[in-house]
Amino acid sequence: MAALRWLFAIQLLSMGAMEMSGPFWPLQLRALGDAPGGLAVASAVAYAGPLVTAMLFTPLWGGIGDRVGHKPMLLRALLALAATQLWLAYATSGTTVLLVRLLQGALAGFIAAAQAYGAGIVPRAERGALMAQLQVATALGSVLGPLAGGLVFSSFGFMAVNAAAATICIACALCAAVVLPQQRAADHAPATASRDAPAVAARASAANGMGSVVAGLLAGIVLVQAGKMMPQGFFSLYAEQILHAPPWLTGLCYGATAVGLCLFAPFWAKHFKDRPRAWVLQRIEWICWACAGIVALQAMGRSIALVLAARLAWGIAMAALLPVFYALLSQEVDDRQQGRVLGAGNSAAKAGALLGAGAGGLAMAWLPLEHIFWSVAALYMVAALGLRAWRGRAFVQPISA
């Protein structure tokens, strides 16, 4: 479907644009010279602040999208990202940078809007593939954006990085306005409404109350996202001090996870398509155990080849987790509540990222660096045990009728 191809391209470009400035906030705050609370605190706020405000406001934007349509929310998010990036390009104080970053998180919500929009133009059975494709777009943007930002930064400076990101977001907004079909707020999937009516009716009571099934899925998103984000704060130190890897090899190991995720997300989506929910959650539990084993292997490994293979395998396993949780969330509610539930899912992912960052910091403070990956393995074990304890009670009905 042409609309989905355009949606993939828009998400890749816009998320890549937002990642262009990602590695350079500490450098910019240091250059401005007035970082509130000191450079370390200000840098933490620059990264964590948008996650907090996005976590709080994304469900609100999703609920509005359920009422007015998700294409307007896509355009609103892209224009908000463009405006705040342009503002950041001309910010002259550290305080302004931090306030705009907080505002940026509150006004964005693009990923949830893209998921909800896409869910309205594909059948329920195809939503796993949709979430996988959008996850690939986000992952590619996260890899390519910092690379492009580094090239621009080294040649033209930080202002040019943010100005370029704003330009890309404006171009994406114009493209979305022209090429993406409009949807009516109350009719997100007319072609599939009658076919999905029995499944929608069966889920109505749980959807209206955001009941235990949705709450369990949100908890799962928090845990798997925390496991994904936890090593980011210490991996470069681990590679340098324990593996004695040069910077280029550290980057290769770091990027191998994204490569595995991008390559295998479509495979997992096809693998889980039209499967009963209990079956899906059982396999997800197994994959969490596999993640624990892979990370444990990385904790024991002292060779670059072994760590590189483990990072690639970890990305392959992670490709099955977040997109499948999003697909289950989407299928748990009717088509008039996609924005709300996917907004909640994205807020859970932000909460997991914050939890993972905090847990990684605590692990660095408490554990020797050579043993630090055991803490990540333990987190995946907690996720697997939680799924085992919960899925038998909550997931007893099939995904699709």
Protein backbone atom coordinates (compact mmCIF):
# COMPACT_ATOMS: atom_id res chain seq x y z
CA MET A 1 0.00 0.00 0.00
CA ALA A 2 1.43 3.34 -1.09
CA ALA A 3 0.28 5.16 2.05
CA LEU A 4 2.24 2.77 4.26
CA ARG A 5 5.39 3.23 2.18
CA TRP A 6 5.05 6.98 2.55
CA LEU A 7 4.41 6.62 6.27
CA PHE A 8 7.56 4.50 6.63
CA ALA A 9 9.65 7.09 4.76
CA ILE A 10 8.21 9.99 6.76
CA GLN A 11 8.91 8.26 10.05
CA LEU A 12 12.45 7.31 9.04
CA LEU A 13 13.29 10.85 7.93
CA SER A 14 11.63 12.66 10.83
CA MET A 15 13.07 10.36 13.50
CA GLY A 16 16.47 10.58 11.85
CA ALA A 17 16.17 14.37 11.89
CA MET A 18 15.42 14.36 15.61
CA GLU A 19 18.44 12.14 16.29
CA MET A 20 20.83 14.41 14.37
CA SER A 21 21.48 16.58 17.41
CA GLY A 22 21.34 13.70 19.93
CA PRO A 23 25.07 13.15 20.54
CA PHE A 24 25.90 16.85 20.81
CA TRP A 25 23.75 18.34 23.59
CA PRO A 26 26.51 18.21 26.22
CA LEU A 27 28.86 19.98 23.80
CA GLN A 28 26.31 22.69 23.09
CA LEU A 29 25.46 23.20 26.76
CA ARG A 30 29.16 23.49 27.54
CA ALA A 31 29.61 25.99 24.71
CA LEU A 32 26.73 28.15 26.01
CA GLY A 33 28.49 28.22 29.37
CA ASP A 34 25.47 28.64 31.68
CA ALA A 35 24.14 25.10 32.11
CA PRO A 36 21.63 25.14 35.00
CA GLY A 37 22.82 22.89 37.84
CA GLY A 38 26.12 22.20 36.14
CA LEU A 39 26.92 20.42 32.91
CA ALA A 40 26.17 16.89 34.18
CA VAL A 41 22.72 17.81 35.51
CA ALA A 42 21.83 19.91 32.48
CA SER A 43 22.89 17.13 30.09
CA ALA A 44 20.74 14.63 31.97
CA VAL A 45 17.75 16.97 31.73
CA ALA A 46 18.38 17.55 28.02
CA TYR A 47 18.07 13.81 27.38
CA ALA A 48 15.63 12.65 30.05
CA GLY A 49 13.39 15.72 30.16
CA PRO A 50 11.74 15.17 26.76
CA LEU A 51 11.10 11.53 27.68
CA VAL A 52 9.26 12.61 30.84
CA THR A 53 7.09 15.23 29.14
CA ALA A 54 6.38 12.91 26.20
CA MET A 55 5.40 10.17 28.64
CA LEU A 56 2.91 12.54 30.29
CA PHE A 57 1.39 14.10 27.16
CA THR A 58 1.44 11.42 24.44
CA PRO A 59 -1.77 9.67 25.68
CA LEU A 60 -3.50 13.09 25.63
CA TRP A 61 -2.56 13.66 21.99
CA GLY A 62 -3.62 10.09 21.18
CA GLY A 63 -7.04 10.64 22.74
CA ILE A 64 -7.48 13.84 20.73
CA GLY A 65 -6.51 11.91 17.61
CA ASP A 66 -9.24 9.37 18.34
CA ARG A 67 -11.74 12.23 18.19
CA VAL A 68 -10.42 14.39 15.34
CA GLY A 69 -8.42 11.86 13.30
CA HIS A 70 -4.78 10.83 13.44
CA LYS A 71 -3.56 12.57 10.29
CA PRO A 72 -4.00 16.00 11.95
CA MET A 73 -2.01 14.67 14.90
CA LEU A 74 0.77 13.56 12.54
CA LEU A 75 0.94 17.02 11.02
CA ARG A 76 0.76 18.72 14.42
CA ALA A 77 3.62 16.61 15.76
CA LEU A 78 5.85 17.21 12.73
CA LEU A 79 5.26 20.95 12.79
CA ALA A 80 5.90 21.04 16.55
CA LEU A 81 9.18 19.18 16.05
CA ALA A 82 10.18 21.58 13.28
CA ALA A 83 9.33 24.66 15.34
CA THR A 84 11.17 23.50 18.45
CA GLN A 85 14.26 22.41 16.49
CA LEU A 86 14.38 25.81 14.83
CA TRP A 87 14.01 27.47 18.23
CA LEU A 88 16.87 25.34 19.56
CA ALA A 89 19.02 26.38 16.63
CA TYR A 90 18.87 29.99 17.84
CA ALA A 91 18.83 29.34 21.61
CA THR A 92 21.49 31.41 23.37
CA SER A 93 21.29 30.04 26.92
CA GLY A 94 21.34 26.66 28.58
CA THR A 95 18.07 27.41 30.36
CA THR A 96 16.33 28.07 27.04
CA VAL A 97 17.69 24.83 25.61
CA LEU A 98 16.34 22.79 28.49
CA LEU A 99 12.93 24.48 28.50
CA VAL A 100 12.52 23.99 24.75
CA ARG A 101 13.58 20.35 25.05
CA LEU A 102 10.88 19.82 27.67
CA LEU A 103 8.34 21.57 25.43
CA GLN A 104 9.46 19.44 22.50
CA GLY A 105 8.66 16.23 24.37
CA ALA A 106 5.26 17.54 25.43
CA LEU A 107 4.23 18.63 21.93
CA ALA A 108 5.56 15.71 19.91
CA GLY A 109 3.97 12.24 20.09
CA PHE A 110 4.74 11.51 16.45
CA ILE A 111 5.48 7.79 16.83
CA ALA A 112 2.17 7.08 18.57
CA ALA A 113 0.30 9.16 15.98
CA ALA A 114 1.98 7.26 13.13
CA GLN A 115 1.09 3.92 14.75
CA ALA A 116 -2.53 4.92 15.29
CA TYR A 117 -2.83 6.33 11.76
CA GLY A 118 -1.33 3.18 10.26
CA ALA A 119 -3.59 0.95 12.38
CA GLY A 120 -6.56 2.69 10.78
CA ILE A 121 -5.59 1.80 7.22
CA VAL A 122 -4.59 -1.85 7.61
CA PRO A 123 -6.61 -4.90 8.69
CA ARG A 124 -6.16 -6.08 12.26
CA ALA A 125 -4.23 -9.13 11.10
CA GLU A 126 -1.63 -6.85 9.45
CA ARG A 127 -0.96 -4.63 12.45
CA GLY A 128 1.95 -6.71 13.67
CA ALA A 129 3.69 -6.14 10.35
CA LEU A 130 2.83 -2.43 10.54
CA MET A 131 4.36 -2.05 14.00
CA ALA A 132 7.46 -3.93 12.86
CA GLN A 133 7.88 -1.67 9.82
CA LEU A 134 7.53 1.48 11.91
CA GLN A 135 9.99 0.08 14.46
CA VAL A 136 12.47 -0.51 11.64
CA ALA A 137 11.97 3.07 10.44
CA THR A 138 12.67 4.39 13.94
CA ALA A 139 15.74 2.18 14.34
CA LEU A 140 17.16 3.23 10.98
CA GLY A 141 16.56 6.86 11.86
CA SER A 142 18.37 6.34 15.16
CA VAL A 143 21.40 4.95 13.29
CA LEU A 144 21.51 7.32 10.31
CA GLY A 145 20.49 10.51 12.13
CA PRO A 146 23.54 10.83 14.41
CA LEU A 147 25.83 9.99 11.47
CA ALA A 148 24.31 12.76 9.36
CA GLY A 149 24.30 15.10 12.34
CA GLY A 150 27.98 14.45 12.95
CA LEU A 151 28.83 15.33 9.36
CA VAL A 152 26.82 18.55 9.51
CA PHE A 153 28.17 19.45 12.95
CA SER A 154 31.78 19.01 11.91
CA SER A 155 31.32 21.15 8.80
CA PHE A 156 28.82 23.84 9.78
CA GLY A 157 28.26 23.77 13.54
CA PHE A 158 25.41 23.01 15.91
CA MET A 159 23.01 25.65 14.63
CA ALA A 160 23.09 24.03 11.19
CA VAL A 161 22.29 20.63 12.69
CA ASN A 162 19.06 21.88 14.25
CA ALA A 163 18.16 24.00 11.23
CA ALA A 164 18.59 20.97 8.98
CA ALA A 165 16.42 18.86 11.31
CA ALA A 166 13.71 21.52 11.27
CA THR A 167 13.81 21.67 7.47
CA ILE A 168 13.43 17.89 7.20
CA CYS A 169 10.46 17.90 9.59
CA ILE A 170 8.75 20.67 7.59
CA ALA A 171 9.31 18.71 4.38
CA CYS A 172 7.87 15.59 6.04
CA ALA A 173 4.81 17.55 7.19
CA LEU A 174 4.19 18.90 3.68
CA CYS A 175 4.63 15.43 2.23
CA ALA A 176 2.24 13.90 4.79
CA ALA A 177 -0.36 16.57 4.10
CA VAL A 178 -0.29 15.80 0.38
CA VAL A 179 0.23 12.06 0.07
CA LEU A 180 -1.43 10.50 3.13
CA PRO A 181 -5.19 9.97 2.76
CA GLN A 182 -7.46 11.70 5.25
CA GLN A 183 -9.44 9.63 7.73
CA ARG A 184 -12.64 10.40 9.55
CA ALA A 185 -12.22 10.34 13.31
CA ALA A 186 -15.01 7.82 13.89
CA ASP A 187 -14.23 5.60 10.91
CA HIS A 188 -10.60 4.56 10.90
CA ALA A 189 -10.96 1.27 9.08
CA PRO A 190 -14.14 1.15 7.00
CA ALA A 191 -12.88 -1.68 4.83
CA THR A 192 -12.38 -3.99 7.78
CA ALA A 193 -15.06 -2.82 10.21
CA SER A 194 -17.64 -5.48 9.42
CA ARG A 195 -15.09 -8.27 9.31
CA ASP A 196 -13.65 -7.24 12.67
CA ALA A 197 -16.99 -6.58 14.39
CA PRO A 198 -17.10 -9.79 16.48
CA ALA A 199 -13.55 -9.27 17.71
CA VAL A 200 -14.24 -5.62 18.49
CA ALA A 201 -17.36 -6.49 20.46
CA ALA A 202 -15.52 -9.15 22.42
CA ARG A 203 -12.94 -6.55 23.48
CA ALA A 204 -15.27 -3.67 24.18
CA SER A 205 -15.48 -3.98 27.95
CA ALA A 206 -11.73 -4.35 28.42
CA ALA A 207 -11.02 -1.48 26.03
CA ASN A 208 -13.41 0.87 27.80
CA GLY A 209 -11.75 0.26 31.14
CA MET A 210 -8.11 -0.13 30.01
CA GLY A 211 -8.28 -3.29 32.10
CA SER A 212 -5.81 -5.83 33.31
CA VAL A 213 -4.84 -7.10 29.85
CA VAL A 214 -3.79 -3.64 28.66
CA ALA A 215 -2.10 -2.92 31.98
CA GLY A 216 -0.10 -6.13 31.67
CA LEU A 217 0.99 -5.28 28.15
CA LEU A 218 2.07 -1.83 29.29
CA ALA A 219 4.11 -3.39 32.10
CA GLY A 220 5.74 -5.70 29.57
CA ILE A 221 6.68 -2.73 27.38
CA VAL A 222 8.26 -0.98 30.37
CA LEU A 223 10.41 -4.00 31.21
CA VAL A 224 11.63 -4.87 27.71
CA GLN A 225 12.37 -1.23 26.91
CA ALA A 226 14.28 -0.89 30.18
CA GLY A 227 16.36 -3.91 29.20
CA LYS A 228 17.08 -2.38 25.82
CA MET A 229 18.13 1.01 27.21
CA MET A 230 20.00 -0.09 30.33
CA PRO A 231 23.41 -0.78 28.68
CA GLN A 232 23.54 2.47 26.72
CA GLY A 233 25.12 4.43 29.52
CA PHE A 234 27.98 2.03 30.12
CA PHE A 235 28.56 0.08 26.90
CA SER A 236 31.25 2.42 25.55
CA LEU A 237 33.13 2.25 28.85
CA TYR A 238 32.80 -1.54 28.90
CA ALA A 239 34.10 -1.80 25.34
CA GLU A 240 37.04 0.50 26.07
CA GLN A 241 38.13 -0.81 29.46
CA ILE A 242 37.16 -4.50 29.36
CA LEU A 243 37.32 -5.35 25.65
CA HIS A 244 40.05 -2.79 24.83
CA ALA A 245 38.20 -2.01 21.61
CA PRO A 246 39.05 1.03 19.48
CA PRO A 247 36.23 3.57 18.99
CA TRP A 248 35.32 2.37 15.50
CA LEU A 249 34.90 -1.18 16.77
CA THR A 250 32.82 0.05 19.71
CA GLY A 251 30.54 1.77 17.22
CA LEU A 252 30.32 -1.40 15.15
CA CYS A 253 29.31 -3.48 18.18
CA TYR A 254 26.83 -0.81 19.25
CA GLY A 255 25.25 -0.66 15.79
CA ALA A 256 25.04 -4.45 15.40
CA THR A 257 21.99 -4.48 17.68
CA ALA A 258 20.13 -2.06 15.41
CA VAL A 259 21.12 -4.11 12.36
CA GLY A 260 19.67 -7.28 13.90
CA LEU A 261 16.48 -5.46 14.83
CA CYS A 262 16.01 -3.96 11.36
CA LEU A 263 16.65 -7.23 9.54
CA PHE A 264 14.43 -9.46 11.65
CA ALA A 265 11.47 -7.28 12.69
CA PRO A 266 9.52 -8.21 9.50
CA PHE A 267 10.31 -11.91 10.08
CA TRP A 268 8.91 -11.82 13.61
CA ALA A 269 5.80 -9.95 12.46
CA LYS A 270 5.09 -12.66 9.89
CA HIS A 271 5.87 -15.38 12.44
CA PHE A 272 3.32 -14.02 14.95
CA LYS A 273 0.61 -13.15 12.43
CA ASP A 274 -2.82 -14.66 13.16
CA ARG A 275 -1.55 -16.55 16.22
CA PRO A 276 -3.55 -16.92 19.46
CA ARG A 277 -2.58 -14.45 22.13
CA ALA A 278 -1.56 -17.14 24.61
CA TRP A 279 0.75 -18.63 21.97
CA VAL A 280 2.27 -15.21 21.22
CA LEU A 281 2.93 -14.42 24.88
CA GLN A 282 4.47 -17.83 25.46
CA ARG A 283 6.95 -17.22 22.63
CA ILE A 284 7.63 -13.72 23.92
CA GLU A 285 8.48 -15.24 27.29
CA TRP A 286 10.91 -17.61 25.57
CA ILE A 287 12.48 -14.67 23.74
CA CYS A 288 12.94 -12.82 27.03
CA TRP A 289 14.76 -15.91 28.37
CA ALA A 290 16.83 -15.89 25.17
CA CYS A 291 17.68 -12.21 25.73
CA ALA A 292 18.80 -13.05 29.28
CA GLY A 293 21.04 -15.82 27.91
CA ILE A 294 22.46 -13.65 25.13
CA VAL A 295 23.29 -10.83 27.53
CA ALA A 296 24.83 -13.35 29.95
CA LEU A 297 27.01 -14.57 27.10
CA GLN A 298 28.06 -11.00 26.49
CA ALA A 299 28.84 -10.65 30.21
CA MET A 300 31.16 -13.65 30.02
CA GLY A 301 32.72 -12.78 26.68
CA ARG A 302 36.07 -11.08 26.47
CA SER A 303 36.58 -11.26 22.71
CA ILE A 304 35.29 -8.70 20.25
CA ALA A 305 33.98 -11.43 17.91
CA LEU A 306 31.85 -12.99 20.66
CA VAL A 307 30.48 -9.65 21.84
CA LEU A 308 29.72 -8.59 18.26
CA ALA A 309 27.82 -11.85 17.65
CA ALA A 310 25.97 -11.45 20.96
CA ARG A 311 24.98 -7.87 20.12
CA LEU A 312 23.66 -8.97 16.72
CA ALA A 313 21.71 -11.85 18.29
CA TRP A 314 20.32 -9.50 20.92
CA GLY A 315 19.00 -7.20 18.21
CA ILE A 316 17.38 -10.14 16.44
CA ALA A 317 15.62 -11.13 19.67
CA MET A 318 14.58 -7.56 20.52
CA ALA A 319 12.97 -7.22 17.10
CA ALA A 320 10.24 -9.55 18.37
CA LEU A 321 9.44 -7.67 21.57
CA LEU A 322 8.29 -4.07 21.28
CA PRO A 323 6.46 -4.36 17.90
CA VAL A 324 4.55 -7.42 19.13
CA PHE A 325 3.50 -5.66 22.33
CA TYR A 326 2.29 -2.69 20.29
CA ALA A 327 0.38 -5.00 17.93
CA LEU A 328 -1.32 -6.73 20.88
CA LEU A 329 -2.26 -3.36 22.33
CA SER A 330 -3.73 -2.24 19.01
CA GLN A 331 -5.77 -5.42 18.70
CA GLU A 332 -7.02 -5.24 22.28
CA VAL A 333 -9.22 -2.17 21.68
CA ASP A 334 -11.59 -1.09 18.95
CA ASP A 335 -10.62 1.27 16.16
CA ARG A 336 -11.96 4.35 17.94
CA GLN A 337 -9.43 3.98 20.77
CA GLN A 338 -6.21 3.37 18.86
CA GLY A 339 -4.70 6.75 19.69
CA ARG A 340 -5.35 6.41 23.39
CA VAL A 341 -4.00 2.89 23.79
CA LEU A 342 -0.98 3.34 21.50
CA GLY A 343 -0.26 6.66 23.20
CA ALA A 344 -0.24 4.78 26.50
CA GLY A 345 2.07 2.19 24.94
CA ASN A 346 4.51 4.87 23.84
CA SER A 347 4.38 6.43 27.30
CA ALA A 348 5.23 3.02 28.74
CA ALA A 349 8.19 2.82 26.36
CA LYS A 350 9.39 6.23 27.55
CA ALA A 351 8.99 5.09 31.17
CA GLY A 352 11.00 1.97 30.35
CA ALA A 353 13.74 4.07 28.78
CA LEU A 354 13.95 6.21 31.92
CA LEU A 355 13.91 3.13 34.13
CA GLY A 356 16.65 1.53 32.04
CA ALA A 357 18.81 4.65 32.14
CA GLY A 358 18.40 4.90 35.91
CA ALA A 359 19.07 1.20 36.42
CA GLY A 360 22.16 1.45 34.24
CA GLY A 361 23.46 4.32 36.37
CA LEU A 362 22.87 2.35 39.56
CA ALA A 363 24.59 -0.69 38.07
CA MET A 364 27.63 1.45 37.25
CA ALA A 365 27.73 2.68 40.83
CA TRP A 366 27.32 -0.73 42.47
CA LEU A 367 28.90 -3.32 40.17
CA PRO A 368 32.39 -3.77 38.76
CA LEU A 369 32.41 -2.94 35.08
CA GLU A 370 33.44 -6.46 34.08
CA HIS A 371 30.27 -7.88 35.70
CA ILE A 372 27.83 -5.13 34.80
CA PHE A 373 25.98 -6.97 32.03
CA TRP A 374 24.74 -9.53 34.57
CA SER A 375 22.36 -6.83 35.82
CA VAL A 376 20.83 -6.55 32.33
CA ALA A 377 20.43 -10.33 32.16
CA ALA A 378 18.69 -10.22 35.55
CA LEU A 379 16.23 -7.62 34.26
CA TYR A 380 15.28 -9.86 31.32
CA MET A 381 14.83 -12.76 33.73
CA VAL A 382 12.40 -10.61 35.74
CA ALA A 383 10.49 -9.84 32.52
CA ALA A 384 10.33 -13.53 31.58
CA LEU A 385 9.18 -14.61 35.03
CA GLY A 386 6.56 -11.86 35.06
CA LEU A 387 5.21 -13.01 31.71
CA ARG A 388 5.09 -16.61 32.90
CA ALA A 389 3.18 -15.66 36.05
CA TRP A 390 0.73 -13.42 34.21
CA ARG A 391 0.02 -14.73 30.74
CA GLY A 392 -1.85 -17.85 31.87
CA ARG A 393 -4.42 -15.68 33.64
CA ALA A 394 -4.78 -12.83 31.16
CA PHE A 395 -4.23 -14.24 27.66
CA VAL A 396 -6.64 -17.05 27.15
CA GLN A 397 -8.55 -15.71 24.13
CA PRO A 398 -7.35 -15.73 20.48
CA ILE A 399 -6.07 -12.55 18.89
CA SER A 400 -8.46 -12.70 16.00
CA ALA A 401 -11.80 -14.26 15.49
